[in-house]
Amino acid sequence: MDGEVAKYVPELFATYWALIPPLVAIILALITKEVYSSLFIGIVMGGVLYSISSGFDIELAIKHVFQDGIVGSLTDPYNVGILVFLVILGIMVCMMNRAGGSKAFGKWASTHIKSRVGAQIASIVLGMLIFIDDYFNCLTVGSVMRPVTDNNKVSRAKLAYLIDATAAPICIIAPISSWAAAVSGFVKGEEGFSVFIRAIPYNYYALLTIVAMFTIVLLKVDFGPMKIHEDNALKGDLFTTPDRPYANTVEEETETKGTVLDLIFPVAVLIVCCVIGMIYTGGFFEGKSFIKSFSDCDASVGLMLGSVCALLISIAFYVCRKVIGFKDACDCIPEGFKAMVPAILVLTFAWTLKSMTESLGAREYVASIVGGISGDLIKILPAIIFGVAVFLAFATGTSWGTFGILIPIVVDTFDGKPTMMIIAISACMAGAVCGDHISPISDTTIMASAGAQCNHINHVSTQIPYAVVVAAVSFVTYIIAGFIQKPVVPLIVGIVAIIGLFSFMKYVTKGEKTE
């Protein structure tokens, strides 16, 4: 029986139908503003399509949805490690709040950061400094900067955008990060880490996203749905919509002995422990070099081990300083878990939906399309790969999965053309990050919403126009790069275009009034 199940191939395998479930989920989420039911409908559709083989087998569909899908996602070791890491981060954030570290930082920041521009720039800079991992980035920046941006009347949607735009885009150009390790592992037959380093100057979406953030903040440019949220924030409404998904997790206003040290120390310990955890899983203590161990690390296990150690050290630190007692620290465990329940639920559904698309052969379908491109199109192939990667990551919600699909194809396609291979790999990485950035079912997007404590659909709908502008400019830069095969000129063109386009948007929206 097990052999028969293993050999089963759905009738619609590796066809365009494989992309229908995630597209339906995304469209429903954007229309209904209800992410849980939309994701579940997409999952069910995936199960139905999987079971169609000379008829419809309802038993197979139900088993595939719940047994292979939901249970399979929750028993996957990598996913479980990420969930443990997520829960521990929630606990540590709760402890930092209860110890008064976040409140003390908010008071300190209020005396040093006295403008909306300053609050947003501080959020960007902090996001750029925490480059180890995108999950860690999202939740840490959110918990630290949320009180500061709230005091300066920056909408939660804007904070979520700044968090999201300094998560994956920063990690994908940081040599020491979980993303560098993932990409290096997908480059078969090449020196993975060396390829990653050489691809950084061509990673236009990531680089131009950083330029775009500073341009938006410094020029005070807001348009589309984000303008509504920002205008309402100036009037005192940070959320715009009635939905407050994290309303029950607001910290209690109690007097504490906490200082800024009670925020900085746990965050610093968490960074150090997570780095040690990641290089440990990569074999650093078995004799491998630091870079090699980072390339070979298991990010899920490393982050889990690192966060557990950081939690224990932080509890000891707080108890020894007598800012909170041991019982108070233990009380933060269920509170931190509850704070992460919305993110965990969406993550679980998103992972399940990804498994549905994989079982329908989404990878094979996309590979067959991209692999057939050759001839005169070779010069613009990096731009085409960028577009395909954006679509695939947007539809499936995974950039790492997109790396796994496209990078091996790119390596084979450009065998013997090292410069074009680097440009194409970078285009794949950039497109995957772009699609992941704007996808409602992306775990990084979900984490950004959780970090900012923002309605998830509000975050998605407000950041899409900004990301689309950067994506369009990036597409053009990859066309230029394919012809001249040098990184600097396309980047300069992209920077000028970004500043010009956002300046134009400021001119167009000048004087507009929103409700």
Protein backbone atom coordinates (compact mmCIF):
# COMPACT_ATOMS: atom_id res chain seq x y z
CA MET A 1 0.00 0.00 0.00
CA ASP A 2 2.81 2.41 0.90
CA GLY A 3 4.50 1.69 -2.41
CA GLU A 4 1.31 2.49 -4.31
CA VAL A 5 0.91 5.82 -2.51
CA ALA A 6 4.55 6.74 -3.20
CA LYS A 7 4.09 6.09 -6.92
CA TYR A 8 0.85 8.02 -7.25
CA VAL A 9 1.07 10.91 -9.69
CA PRO A 10 -1.96 13.18 -10.12
CA GLU A 11 -3.38 13.61 -13.59
CA LEU A 12 -2.78 17.38 -13.43
CA PHE A 13 0.85 17.03 -12.32
CA ALA A 14 3.30 19.64 -13.73
CA THR A 15 0.58 21.65 -15.49
CA TYR A 16 -0.62 25.21 -14.98
CA TRP A 17 -3.19 23.80 -12.55
CA ALA A 18 -0.38 23.47 -10.00
CA LEU A 19 -0.36 27.27 -9.55
CA ILE A 20 -4.14 27.66 -9.27
CA PRO A 21 -4.53 26.88 -5.49
CA PRO A 22 -2.09 29.57 -4.28
CA LEU A 23 -3.44 32.11 -6.78
CA VAL A 24 -7.00 31.48 -5.57
CA ALA A 25 -5.90 31.85 -1.93
CA ILE A 26 -4.09 35.12 -2.67
CA ILE A 27 -6.98 36.61 -4.66
CA LEU A 28 -9.53 35.63 -2.01
CA ALA A 29 -7.34 37.07 0.76
CA LEU A 30 -7.01 40.41 -1.03
CA ILE A 31 -10.75 40.55 -1.79
CA THR A 32 -12.20 39.29 1.50
CA LYS A 33 -9.45 40.66 3.80
CA GLU A 34 -9.73 37.31 5.64
CA VAL A 35 -6.51 35.33 5.41
CA TYR A 36 -7.35 32.15 7.36
CA SER A 37 -10.36 31.04 5.32
CA SER A 38 -8.70 32.10 2.06
CA LEU A 39 -5.65 29.96 2.74
CA PHE A 40 -7.79 27.01 3.77
CA ILE A 41 -9.87 27.24 0.59
CA GLY A 42 -6.65 27.23 -1.44
CA ILE A 43 -5.47 24.16 0.48
CA VAL A 44 -8.75 22.33 -0.14
CA MET A 45 -8.57 23.19 -3.84
CA GLY A 46 -5.06 21.74 -3.94
CA GLY A 47 -6.33 18.53 -2.36
CA VAL A 48 -9.15 18.29 -4.88
CA LEU A 49 -6.84 18.82 -7.87
CA TYR A 50 -4.38 16.28 -6.45
CA SER A 51 -7.08 13.61 -6.18
CA ILE A 52 -8.29 13.99 -9.79
CA SER A 53 -7.04 11.01 -11.75
CA SER A 54 -9.67 9.47 -14.05
CA GLY A 55 -12.26 10.72 -11.58
CA PHE A 56 -12.46 12.38 -8.18
CA ASP A 57 -11.39 10.45 -5.08
CA ILE A 58 -12.79 12.31 -2.06
CA GLU A 59 -11.00 10.06 0.44
CA LEU A 60 -7.65 10.76 -1.20
CA ALA A 61 -8.40 14.51 -1.22
CA ILE A 62 -9.22 14.58 2.50
CA LYS A 63 -6.13 12.54 3.40
CA HIS A 64 -3.92 14.74 1.27
CA VAL A 65 -5.23 17.95 2.85
CA PHE A 66 -5.05 16.86 6.48
CA GLN A 67 -2.58 13.98 6.67
CA ASP A 68 -0.04 14.97 4.01
CA GLY A 69 -0.72 18.70 4.23
CA ILE A 70 -1.50 20.09 7.69
CA VAL A 71 -0.07 17.22 9.77
CA GLY A 72 2.87 16.85 7.39
CA SER A 73 3.73 20.55 7.72
CA LEU A 74 3.50 20.46 11.51
CA THR A 75 5.69 17.36 11.77
CA ASP A 76 8.37 18.56 9.36
CA PRO A 77 11.55 19.00 11.46
CA TYR A 78 12.50 22.27 9.76
CA ASN A 79 9.05 23.78 10.28
CA VAL A 80 8.93 22.65 13.92
CA GLY A 81 12.30 24.27 14.54
CA ILE A 82 11.03 27.55 13.11
CA LEU A 83 7.87 27.37 15.24
CA VAL A 84 9.94 26.77 18.38
CA PHE A 85 12.17 29.71 17.45
CA LEU A 86 9.07 31.84 16.86
CA VAL A 87 7.51 30.94 20.23
CA ILE A 88 10.76 31.63 22.08
CA LEU A 89 11.03 35.03 20.41
CA GLY A 90 7.48 35.76 21.56
CA ILE A 91 8.44 34.76 25.10
CA MET A 92 11.56 36.93 25.05
CA VAL A 93 9.64 39.91 23.74
CA CYS A 94 7.09 39.41 26.53
CA MET A 95 9.90 39.27 29.11
CA MET A 96 11.55 42.39 27.72
CA ASN A 97 8.22 44.19 28.01
CA ARG A 98 7.52 42.92 31.53
CA ALA A 99 11.04 43.77 32.68
CA GLY A 100 10.55 47.29 31.37
CA GLY A 101 13.29 47.14 28.73
CA SER A 102 11.03 48.09 25.84
CA LYS A 103 9.41 50.87 27.89
CA ALA A 104 12.80 52.22 28.93
CA PHE A 105 13.98 52.21 25.34
CA GLY A 106 10.78 53.99 24.33
CA LYS A 107 11.47 56.72 26.89
CA TRP A 108 15.09 57.00 25.76
CA ALA A 109 14.06 57.12 22.13
CA SER A 110 11.41 59.76 22.81
CA THR A 111 14.14 62.12 23.98
CA HIS A 112 16.38 61.39 20.99
CA ILE A 113 13.91 60.59 18.20
CA LYS A 114 11.38 63.38 17.94
CA SER A 115 10.07 63.11 14.39
CA ARG A 116 8.30 60.66 12.12
CA VAL A 117 11.29 60.68 9.78
CA GLY A 118 13.68 59.90 12.63
CA ALA A 119 11.52 57.01 13.87
CA GLN A 120 11.36 55.48 10.40
CA ILE A 121 15.08 55.92 9.71
CA ALA A 122 15.86 54.28 13.07
CA SER A 123 13.63 51.33 12.09
CA ILE A 124 15.45 50.96 8.77
CA VAL A 125 18.91 51.16 10.34
CA LEU A 126 18.05 48.63 13.05
CA GLY A 127 16.62 46.31 10.39
CA MET A 128 19.84 46.57 8.39
CA LEU A 129 21.92 45.75 11.46
CA ILE A 130 19.98 42.56 12.23
CA PHE A 131 20.94 40.63 9.10
CA ILE A 132 21.39 37.14 10.56
CA ASP A 133 17.89 35.88 9.75
CA ASP A 134 14.67 37.40 8.41
CA TYR A 135 12.39 35.89 11.10
CA PHE A 136 14.64 37.21 13.85
CA ASN A 137 14.81 40.56 12.06
CA CYS A 138 11.04 40.97 11.75
CA LEU A 139 10.12 40.22 15.35
CA THR A 140 13.05 41.98 16.98
CA VAL A 141 12.74 45.21 14.99
CA GLY A 142 8.98 45.19 15.51
CA SER A 143 9.14 44.77 19.27
CA VAL A 144 11.89 47.38 19.70
CA MET A 145 10.61 50.06 17.33
CA ARG A 146 6.84 49.72 17.75
CA PRO A 147 6.65 52.03 20.82
CA VAL A 148 8.89 54.57 19.06
CA THR A 149 6.88 54.67 15.82
CA ASP A 150 3.61 54.73 17.77
CA ASN A 151 4.76 57.80 19.71
CA ASN A 152 5.66 59.53 16.45
CA LYS A 153 2.36 58.63 14.75
CA VAL A 154 3.75 56.25 12.16
CA SER A 155 1.06 53.79 11.04
CA ARG A 156 1.45 50.11 11.82
CA ALA A 157 1.20 49.41 8.09
CA LYS A 158 4.21 51.67 7.41
CA LEU A 159 6.20 50.02 10.20
CA ALA A 160 5.33 46.59 8.78
CA TYR A 161 6.58 47.70 5.35
CA LEU A 162 9.87 48.98 6.77
CA ILE A 163 10.33 45.74 8.71
CA ASP A 164 9.53 43.57 5.70
CA ALA A 165 11.75 45.60 3.37
CA THR A 166 14.74 45.24 5.73
CA ALA A 167 14.25 41.52 6.35
CA ALA A 168 14.71 39.34 3.26
CA PRO A 169 16.27 42.13 1.10
CA ILE A 170 19.00 42.64 3.72
CA CYS A 171 19.54 38.93 4.41
CA ILE A 172 19.93 38.15 0.69
CA ILE A 173 22.92 40.51 0.40
CA ALA A 174 24.48 39.63 3.76
CA PRO A 175 27.22 36.97 3.45
CA ILE A 176 26.71 35.93 7.08
CA SER A 177 23.04 34.98 7.12
CA SER A 178 20.76 31.97 6.92
CA TRP A 179 19.85 33.06 3.38
CA ALA A 180 23.46 32.97 2.20
CA ALA A 181 23.65 29.43 3.54
CA ALA A 182 20.47 28.44 1.70
CA VAL A 183 21.53 29.90 -1.65
CA SER A 184 25.01 28.37 -1.40
CA GLY A 185 23.45 24.96 -0.95
CA PHE A 186 21.42 25.24 -4.16
CA VAL A 187 24.39 26.04 -6.43
CA LYS A 188 25.40 22.51 -7.37
CA GLY A 189 28.75 21.97 -9.07
CA GLU A 190 29.99 25.46 -8.15
CA GLU A 191 31.63 27.10 -5.14
CA GLY A 192 28.33 28.17 -3.61
CA PHE A 193 29.53 30.84 -1.19
CA SER A 194 31.83 32.42 -3.79
CA VAL A 195 28.90 32.58 -6.24
CA PHE A 196 26.76 34.25 -3.57
CA ILE A 197 29.41 36.93 -2.93
CA ARG A 198 29.86 37.68 -6.66
CA ALA A 199 26.07 37.91 -7.11
CA ILE A 200 25.61 40.65 -4.47
CA PRO A 201 26.39 43.65 -6.78
CA TYR A 202 23.79 42.34 -9.26
CA ASN A 203 21.06 41.87 -6.67
CA TYR A 204 19.21 44.94 -7.85
CA TYR A 205 15.86 44.39 -6.14
CA ALA A 206 17.48 44.14 -2.70
CA LEU A 207 19.80 47.11 -3.27
CA LEU A 208 17.08 49.28 -4.82
CA THR A 209 14.64 48.41 -2.03
CA ILE A 210 17.07 49.96 0.45
CA VAL A 211 17.33 53.06 -1.75
CA ALA A 212 13.55 53.17 -2.05
CA MET A 213 13.01 53.05 1.72
CA PHE A 214 15.32 55.98 2.40
CA THR A 215 13.79 57.90 -0.53
CA ILE A 216 10.24 57.29 0.72
CA VAL A 217 11.08 58.35 4.26
CA LEU A 218 13.31 61.35 3.52
CA LEU A 219 11.06 62.75 0.76
CA LYS A 220 7.93 61.88 2.78
CA VAL A 221 6.37 60.05 -0.16
CA ASP A 222 3.17 58.07 0.45
CA PHE A 223 0.71 56.88 -2.17
CA GLY A 224 -1.88 54.18 -2.70
CA PRO A 225 -3.41 52.49 0.37
CA MET A 226 -0.37 53.46 2.45
CA LYS A 227 -1.27 57.15 2.14
CA ILE A 228 -4.64 56.46 3.76
CA HIS A 229 -2.95 54.66 6.67
CA GLU A 230 -0.35 57.38 7.14
CA ASP A 231 -2.90 60.21 6.98
CA ASN A 232 -5.03 58.42 9.56
CA ALA A 233 -1.98 57.84 11.77
CA LEU A 234 -1.40 61.60 11.86
CA LYS A 235 -4.94 61.90 13.19
CA GLY A 236 -4.21 59.33 15.90
CA ASP A 237 -5.48 56.12 14.25
CA LEU A 238 -2.48 53.84 13.73
CA PHE A 239 -4.50 50.93 12.32
CA THR A 240 -7.13 52.48 9.96
CA THR A 241 -9.25 49.30 9.89
CA PRO A 242 -11.32 48.10 12.89
CA ASP A 243 -9.47 44.78 13.05
CA ARG A 244 -6.85 44.60 15.81
CA PRO A 245 -5.40 41.06 15.55
CA TYR A 246 -2.95 41.60 18.41
CA ALA A 247 -5.14 43.80 20.61
CA ASN A 248 -5.09 41.29 23.46
CA THR A 249 -1.32 41.27 23.62
CA VAL A 250 -0.88 44.92 24.60
CA GLU A 251 1.63 45.17 27.42
CA GLU A 252 0.49 46.08 30.90
CA GLU A 253 1.53 49.54 32.07
CA THR A 254 3.30 48.74 35.33
CA GLU A 255 6.16 50.40 37.13
CA THR A 256 9.42 48.48 36.68
CA LYS A 257 13.12 48.87 37.41
CA GLY A 258 13.96 48.17 33.79
CA THR A 259 16.53 50.14 31.84
CA VAL A 260 17.60 50.20 28.20
CA LEU A 261 20.14 47.50 29.14
CA ASP A 262 17.22 45.12 29.75
CA LEU A 263 16.37 45.42 26.07
CA ILE A 264 19.84 45.57 24.57
CA PHE A 265 21.33 42.65 26.52
CA PRO A 266 18.74 40.00 25.53
CA VAL A 267 18.82 41.12 21.88
CA ALA A 268 22.62 41.02 21.81
CA VAL A 269 22.66 37.60 23.50
CA LEU A 270 20.08 36.35 21.03
CA ILE A 271 22.21 37.47 18.07
CA VAL A 272 25.37 35.89 19.46
CA CYS A 273 23.65 32.65 20.45
CA CYS A 274 21.89 32.33 17.09
CA VAL A 275 25.18 32.82 15.22
CA ILE A 276 26.86 30.20 17.44
CA GLY A 277 23.88 27.87 16.98
CA MET A 278 24.04 28.17 13.20
CA ILE A 279 27.79 27.60 12.90
CA TYR A 280 27.46 24.70 15.35
CA THR A 281 25.03 22.93 13.02
CA GLY A 282 27.40 23.66 10.14
CA GLY A 283 30.31 21.86 11.82
CA PHE A 284 32.37 24.83 13.06
CA PHE A 285 33.34 23.01 16.25
CA GLU A 286 34.35 19.98 14.21
CA GLY A 287 37.08 21.89 12.40
CA LYS A 288 35.29 23.66 9.53
CA SER A 289 35.98 27.33 8.84
CA PHE A 290 33.51 29.98 9.97
CA ILE A 291 32.38 30.74 6.41
CA LYS A 292 32.10 27.07 5.45
CA SER A 293 30.15 26.20 8.58
CA PHE A 294 27.75 29.06 7.89
CA SER A 295 27.27 27.77 4.34
CA ASP A 296 26.55 24.25 5.61
CA CYS A 297 24.38 25.22 8.58
CA ASP A 298 20.83 24.11 9.33
CA ALA A 299 19.15 27.48 9.95
CA SER A 300 16.10 25.98 11.65
CA VAL A 301 18.05 23.93 14.20
CA GLY A 302 20.66 26.65 14.69
CA LEU A 303 18.08 29.36 15.39
CA MET A 304 16.14 27.05 17.70
CA LEU A 305 19.20 26.09 19.75
CA GLY A 306 20.45 29.65 19.82
CA SER A 307 17.11 31.07 20.94
CA VAL A 308 16.75 28.46 23.71
CA CYS A 309 20.19 29.36 25.09
CA ALA A 310 19.41 33.07 24.81
CA LEU A 311 16.12 32.56 26.67
CA LEU A 312 17.82 30.78 29.57
CA ILE A 313 20.57 33.41 29.79
CA SER A 314 17.98 36.22 29.66
CA ILE A 315 15.91 34.68 32.45
CA ALA A 316 19.02 34.39 34.64
CA PHE A 317 19.99 37.97 33.75
CA TYR A 318 16.58 39.40 34.70
CA VAL A 319 16.32 37.37 37.92
CA CYS A 320 19.83 38.35 39.03
CA ARG A 321 19.06 42.02 38.34
CA LYS A 322 15.77 41.60 40.23
CA VAL A 323 13.79 43.45 37.55
CA ILE A 324 11.41 40.47 37.38
CA GLY A 325 11.12 37.33 39.48
CA PHE A 326 11.47 33.75 38.28
CA LYS A 327 7.68 33.27 38.48
CA ASP A 328 7.11 36.37 36.34
CA ALA A 329 9.58 35.04 33.80
CA CYS A 330 7.75 31.71 33.69
CA ASP A 331 4.41 33.53 33.31
CA CYS A 332 5.79 35.03 30.09
CA ILE A 333 5.95 31.57 28.49
CA PRO A 334 2.17 31.16 27.86
CA GLU A 335 1.81 34.90 27.20
CA GLY A 336 4.55 34.84 24.57
CA PHE A 337 3.03 31.76 22.99
CA LYS A 338 -0.41 33.39 22.80
CA ALA A 339 1.08 36.47 21.18
CA MET A 340 2.43 34.30 18.36
CA VAL A 341 -0.73 32.22 17.76
CA PRO A 342 -2.00 34.34 14.80
CA ALA A 343 1.39 34.11 13.08
CA ILE A 344 1.70 30.37 13.80
CA LEU A 345 -1.77 29.70 12.38
CA VAL A 346 -1.09 31.59 9.17
CA LEU A 347 2.36 30.00 8.85
CA THR A 348 0.88 26.52 9.22
CA PHE A 349 -1.70 27.17 6.51
CA ALA A 350 0.93 28.78 4.27
CA TRP A 351 3.29 25.80 4.62
CA THR A 352 0.40 23.43 3.88
CA LEU A 353 -0.50 25.38 0.75
CA LYS A 354 3.12 25.17 -0.39
CA SER A 355 3.05 21.40 0.04
CA MET A 356 -0.11 21.31 -2.12
CA THR A 357 1.63 23.14 -4.96
CA GLU A 358 4.69 20.90 -4.68
CA SER A 359 2.57 17.74 -4.87
CA LEU A 360 0.95 19.11 -8.03
CA GLY A 361 4.34 19.61 -9.69
CA ALA A 362 4.70 23.40 -9.62
CA ARG A 363 8.50 23.11 -9.68
CA GLU A 364 8.51 20.82 -12.70
CA TYR A 365 6.04 23.04 -14.57
CA VAL A 366 8.08 26.20 -14.07
CA ALA A 367 11.33 24.38 -14.83
CA SER A 368 9.94 23.18 -18.17
CA ILE A 369 9.06 26.77 -19.15
CA VAL A 370 12.35 28.40 -18.13
CA GLY A 371 14.51 25.54 -19.41
CA GLY A 372 13.17 25.99 -22.93
CA ILE A 373 14.44 29.56 -23.32
CA SER A 374 17.57 29.94 -25.47
CA GLY A 375 18.93 31.57 -28.64
CA ASP A 376 18.47 35.32 -29.08
CA LEU A 377 16.63 35.55 -25.77
CA ILE A 378 19.79 34.67 -23.84
CA LYS A 379 20.72 38.36 -23.27
CA ILE A 380 17.37 39.15 -21.69
CA LEU A 381 17.11 35.81 -19.92
CA PRO A 382 18.17 37.33 -16.54
CA ALA A 383 15.20 39.73 -16.77
CA ILE A 384 12.90 36.85 -17.73
CA ILE A 385 14.24 34.75 -14.84
CA PHE A 386 13.63 37.70 -12.51
CA GLY A 387 9.99 37.89 -13.67
CA VAL A 388 9.45 34.13 -13.38
CA ALA A 389 11.01 34.10 -9.90
CA VAL A 390 8.75 36.97 -8.79
CA PHE A 391 5.65 35.14 -9.99
CA LEU A 392 6.67 31.78 -8.55
CA ALA A 393 7.64 33.18 -5.13
CA PHE A 394 4.46 35.29 -5.03
CA ALA A 395 2.26 32.29 -5.90
CA THR A 396 3.96 29.82 -3.57
CA GLY A 397 5.06 32.18 -0.78
CA THR A 398 8.57 30.79 -0.65
CA SER A 399 11.81 32.33 -1.83
CA TRP A 400 13.94 29.40 -0.73
CA GLY A 401 11.71 27.04 -2.71
CA THR A 402 12.11 29.34 -5.72
CA PHE A 403 15.90 29.18 -5.31
CA GLY A 404 15.68 25.42 -5.31
CA ILE A 405 13.65 25.38 -8.53
CA LEU A 406 15.45 27.98 -10.62
CA ILE A 407 19.11 28.13 -9.53
CA PRO A 408 20.01 24.59 -10.73
CA ILE A 409 18.35 25.41 -14.09
CA VAL A 410 20.35 28.65 -14.32
CA VAL A 411 23.64 26.87 -13.57
CA ASP A 412 22.97 24.34 -16.35
CA THR A 413 21.73 26.98 -18.83
CA PHE A 414 24.79 29.22 -18.46
CA ASP A 415 27.42 26.50 -18.19
CA GLY A 416 30.61 28.01 -19.65
CA LYS A 417 29.33 31.61 -19.33
CA PRO A 418 30.36 32.54 -15.76
CA THR A 419 29.39 36.23 -15.84
CA MET A 420 25.94 35.57 -17.30
CA MET A 421 25.47 32.76 -14.79
CA ILE A 422 26.20 35.14 -11.90
CA ILE A 423 23.78 37.75 -13.29
CA ALA A 424 21.07 35.13 -13.82
CA ILE A 425 21.54 33.60 -10.35
CA SER A 426 21.31 37.08 -8.86
CA ALA A 427 18.15 37.74 -10.90
CA CYS A 428 16.69 34.54 -9.52
CA MET A 429 17.57 35.55 -5.96
CA ALA A 430 16.23 39.08 -6.43
CA GLY A 431 13.00 37.89 -8.05
CA ALA A 432 12.43 35.32 -5.32
CA VAL A 433 12.88 37.98 -2.64
CA CYS A 434 10.53 40.34 -4.49
CA GLY A 435 7.80 37.71 -4.85
CA ASP A 436 8.27 36.66 -1.24
CA HIS A 437 8.14 40.32 -0.18
CA ILE A 438 4.66 40.92 -1.61
CA SER A 439 3.07 37.47 -1.17
CA PRO A 440 0.32 37.26 1.48
CA ILE A 441 1.26 33.64 2.16
CA SER A 442 4.99 34.28 2.60
CA ASP A 443 6.27 33.46 6.08
CA THR A 444 8.47 36.59 6.08
CA THR A 445 5.48 38.78 5.21
CA ILE A 446 3.52 37.10 8.00
CA MET A 447 6.40 37.70 10.43
CA ALA A 448 6.53 41.39 9.45
CA SER A 449 2.82 41.71 10.26
CA ALA A 450 3.40 39.96 13.58
CA GLY A 451 6.41 42.14 14.41
CA ALA A 452 4.51 45.36 13.71
CA GLN A 453 1.31 43.93 15.23
CA CYS A 454 -0.47 45.00 12.07
CA ASN A 455 -3.47 43.49 10.30
CA HIS A 456 -1.87 41.12 7.80
CA ILE A 457 -3.94 42.09 4.77
CA ASN A 458 -3.40 45.78 5.55
CA HIS A 459 0.33 45.16 5.45
CA VAL A 460 0.16 43.28 2.14
CA SER A 461 -2.12 45.75 0.36
CA THR A 462 -0.15 48.82 1.46
CA GLN A 463 3.32 47.57 0.55
CA ILE A 464 2.51 46.07 -2.87
CA PRO A 465 2.52 49.42 -4.76
CA TYR A 466 5.94 50.32 -3.33
CA ALA A 467 7.40 46.90 -4.10
CA VAL A 468 5.95 46.89 -7.64
CA VAL A 469 7.71 50.18 -8.46
CA VAL A 470 11.05 48.72 -7.31
CA ALA A 471 10.36 45.45 -9.16
CA ALA A 472 9.64 47.27 -12.43
CA VAL A 473 12.89 49.23 -12.18
CA SER A 474 14.78 46.04 -11.28
CA PHE A 475 13.40 44.29 -14.37
CA VAL A 476 14.85 47.07 -16.55
CA THR A 477 18.22 46.91 -14.77
CA TYR A 478 18.47 43.18 -15.53
CA ILE A 479 17.84 43.84 -19.22
CA ILE A 480 20.72 46.34 -19.19
CA ALA A 481 22.95 44.00 -17.17
CA GLY A 482 22.34 41.16 -19.63
CA PHE A 483 23.80 43.26 -22.44
CA ILE A 484 26.70 45.09 -20.78
CA GLN A 485 27.48 42.39 -18.15
CA LYS A 486 28.75 44.94 -15.61
CA PRO A 487 27.00 45.67 -12.28
CA VAL A 488 27.60 49.41 -11.74
CA VAL A 489 25.86 51.09 -14.68
CA PRO A 490 22.53 49.22 -14.24
CA LEU A 491 22.62 50.00 -10.51
CA ILE A 492 23.16 53.72 -11.16
CA VAL A 493 20.31 53.72 -13.68
CA GLY A 494 18.13 51.95 -11.12
CA ILE A 495 18.95 54.39 -8.31
CA VAL A 496 18.20 57.40 -10.52
CA ALA A 497 14.95 55.80 -11.69
CA ILE A 498 13.85 54.98 -8.11
CA ILE A 499 14.48 58.51 -6.84
CA GLY A 500 12.84 59.99 -9.93
CA LEU A 501 9.74 57.78 -9.78
CA PHE A 502 9.11 58.34 -6.09
CA SER A 503 9.68 62.08 -6.51
CA PHE A 504 7.12 62.00 -9.31
CA MET A 505 4.66 60.11 -7.08
CA LYS A 506 5.10 62.77 -4.40
CA TYR A 507 4.31 65.47 -6.97
CA VAL A 508 1.25 63.58 -8.24
CA THR A 509 -0.17 62.95 -4.75
CA LYS A 510 0.65 66.43 -3.45
CA GLY A 511 -2.44 68.03 -2.03
CA GLU A 512 -4.54 64.85 -2.18
CA LYS A 513 -6.92 64.45 0.73
CA THR A 514 -7.84 61.03 2.10
CA GLU A 515 -10.47 59.98 4.54
